[in-house]
C-alpha atoms as a PDB file:
ATOM      1  CA  MET A   1     -60.378 -72.863 104.326  1.00  0.00           C
ATOM      2  CA  GLU A   2     -63.897 -71.803 103.317  1.00  0.00           C
ATOM      3  CA  VAL A   3     -63.287 -68.299 104.616  1.00  0.00           C
ATOM      4  CA  MET A   4     -60.338 -67.928 102.238  1.00  0.00           C
ATOM      5  CA  VAL A   5     -62.451 -69.062  99.298  1.00  0.00           C
ATOM      6  CA  LEU A   6     -65.164 -66.611 100.290  1.00  0.00           C
ATOM      7  CA  LYS A   7     -62.672 -63.747 100.537  1.00  0.00           C
ATOM      8  CA  TRP A   8     -61.185 -64.691  97.167  1.00  0.00           C
ATOM      9  CA  ARG A   9     -64.616 -64.687  95.520  1.00  0.00           C
ATOM     10  CA  LEU A  10     -65.466 -61.363  97.102  1.00  0.00           C
ATOM     11  CA  LEU A  11     -62.200 -59.893  95.847  1.00  0.00           C
ATOM     12  CA  ASN A  12     -62.837 -61.172  92.328  1.00  0.00           C
ATOM     13  CA  PHE A  13     -66.346 -59.736  92.451  1.00  0.00           C
ATOM     14  CA  LEU A  14     -65.068 -56.307  93.545  1.00  0.00           C
ATOM     15  CA  ILE A  15     -62.408 -56.279  90.825  1.00  0.00           C
ATOM     16  CA  PHE A  16     -65.025 -57.268  88.266  1.00  0.00           C
ATOM     17  CA  CYS A  17     -67.357 -54.469  89.421  1.00  0.00           C
ATOM     18  CA  LYS A  18     -64.566 -51.908  89.253  1.00  0.00           C
ATOM     19  CA  PHE A  19     -63.615 -53.088  85.780  1.00  0.00           C
ATOM     20  CA  MET A  20     -67.232 -52.842  84.597  1.00  0.00           C
ATOM     21  CA  ASP A  21     -67.540 -49.341  86.051  1.00  0.00           C
ATOM     22  CA  PHE A  22     -64.305 -48.350  84.349  1.00  0.00           C
ATOM     23  CA  GLN A  23     -65.518 -49.751  81.033  1.00  0.00           C
ATOM     24  CA  LYS A  24     -68.760 -47.771  81.241  1.00  0.00           C
ATOM     25  CA  LEU A  25     -66.828 -44.640  82.165  1.00  0.00           C
ATOM     26  CA  TRP A  26     -64.484 -45.159  79.209  1.00  0.00           C
ATOM     27  CA  GLU A  27     -67.411 -45.694  76.813  1.00  0.00           C
ATOM     28  CA  SER A  28     -69.186 -42.549  77.979  1.00  0.00           C
ATOM     29  CA  LEU A  29     -65.929 -40.619  77.643  1.00  0.00           C
ATOM     30  CA  LEU A  30     -65.490 -41.837  74.057  1.00  0.00           C
ATOM     31  CA  ILE A  31     -69.080 -40.866  73.251  1.00  0.00           C
ATOM     32  CA  LEU A  32     -68.487 -37.411  74.701  1.00  0.00           C
ATOM     33  CA  ILE A  33     -65.282 -36.962  72.675  1.00  0.00           C
ATOM     34  CA  SER A  34     -66.876 -38.164  69.436  1.00  0.00           C
ATOM     35  CA  SER A  35     -69.892 -35.885  69.891  1.00  0.00           C
ATOM     36  CA  ARG A  36     -67.622 -32.850  70.258  1.00  0.00           C
ATOM     37  CA  MET A  37     -65.741 -33.547  67.033  1.00  0.00           C
END
């Protein structure tokens, strides 16, 4: 039971990290595009 909860939290944490990385990537991309215009 506790192992499942631990796995679920780990999964949520990984998804959150990927989402944050994606958000930073997207922001830097927008900055790059706006600086070229």
